[in-house]
Amino acid sequence: MTTQHAENPPTKDQSSPPRRWDLLAITVVVPVVFALRVALATQAPVNTGDIVRNLAYGAGFWMEGPGFAGHSLDEWSGLEWIAWSENPYNYPPAAFLFFALISLIHSSVFVGKLALTAVEAVNAWLIYRLTKDKWCGLIYWCAPVSLWWASGEGQFEGLQSMFALLAILAVRRNIAAGCGLLALAIQTKLTAVVLLPFFVMAVTSVDKDKRYREAGMAFGGFATGCLLTALALVFYPAVAQVAGFSAPMRLNPFHWNFMNIYLTGTYLPAKLWQQFSSWMILSLVILAAFRSRAFAACLPALLFLLLMKSWSHVQFWYWLALAPMLVLIPNVCLRRVLFVLWALCEFNASVQWFTTQPLLPFRQDYYDFSIFEPIKDFLIPALRQTFPAS
């Protein structure tokens, strides 16, 4: 099946600067940014400890089985220092499985961040593949919000974006595969659910005599993708944990009520830029919808932005998950402007990329071990104790 979500691909004369700039981007910018990303991966995170927690559960998957995710880490003496150790694993099963696979290779923070850097490279290529615009892919690869939060801090929104981008690519040819990949994106981070209306429109836009067949294939593909959660439920209450522990704090630097310092913080330069750029992105998405009349293509980005503006729990790195929605924007010029604003919107990442100094009041002595050391080495002594009763 083929779905049209963008204008006809621009010709070379319309979209391509002189080839010397192409060569410069490929031979200089891409490897330089790769080196920066690897350098960030070799440094201990300074804002968050989520990567340690995710790798600990990933290592626990192989040591104690999938049911390990149903327990909080503070049930074992010696693991209380890990971030959010008082809560059971509160991310969907695809994230759990990803970190389990990484831990099977090596459960160190460095390897985890290197794997997420590889995911970001795939995402940059997928953006180029979908938009036929090398500059959007390059902007993604160079984006401070991606460098800092993915390669530097080990946040995994890029994994959700990879499944979402693959779903958008696949739905053009096979609705079942596209919906299955969308299910994996949602089972990585729930915000990918905003893509559902676009996929529904992809089904309803086909010829009437094929519509029921396409709908059946779409449902079957999505249901097949959701089997991962069904399997997880055999071992631990995956859905209940995601629903009950996913918003442990009130924080949203992009909230519409920027006067609420308990949500948006007190650092005025960050607030002014984040508010200006996020409202600008929202305005441009609305403009793109009306100019191109492609409302279904612009709806996911609009829904995501409204969620970011209204929800009381939005972390700085959630902004990474917007990129797949921007791919659907049909206007070439607006899409490039949106990618630039997206890349720079998260103020803390943009500044920390240049200064390497954290702007957030988190502890800097959190990591007193080498990030090349396997996390499972901390688990083995603790898990030698009696496994907690279910």
Foldseek 3Di string as FASTA:
>chain_A
DADDLFDDADDCVVFPDPVVVVVCCVPPVLVVLVVLLLVLLQDAAFPDQVLLVLLLLLLVCVVPNLLQQQAQQVVFPLRPLGPPSVARNQAFLLSSPVSVVQVVVFSFSSSLLVVLLVLQLLLLVLLCVLNVHNLLSSLSSNFLLCSCVRSNVNDRLSVLSSLQSVLVVCCRPFLLQSLLSLLSSCSGPVLSVLLVLLSVVSLVVDDPVCNVVSVVSNVNSNVVSCVSRVVSVVNHPRVCSNVPPVFPAFEALQAPPNVPCRHNNDPVVLSVLLPVLLVVLLVLLVVLCVVVVSCSLSRSLNVSSVCSHHDRGDDLSNLSNSSSSLSSRHDPVSSSVSSNSSSPNSPQSNVCSVVVDGPDPDDRCSDPDRSSHGSVVSVVVRPVPDDDDD
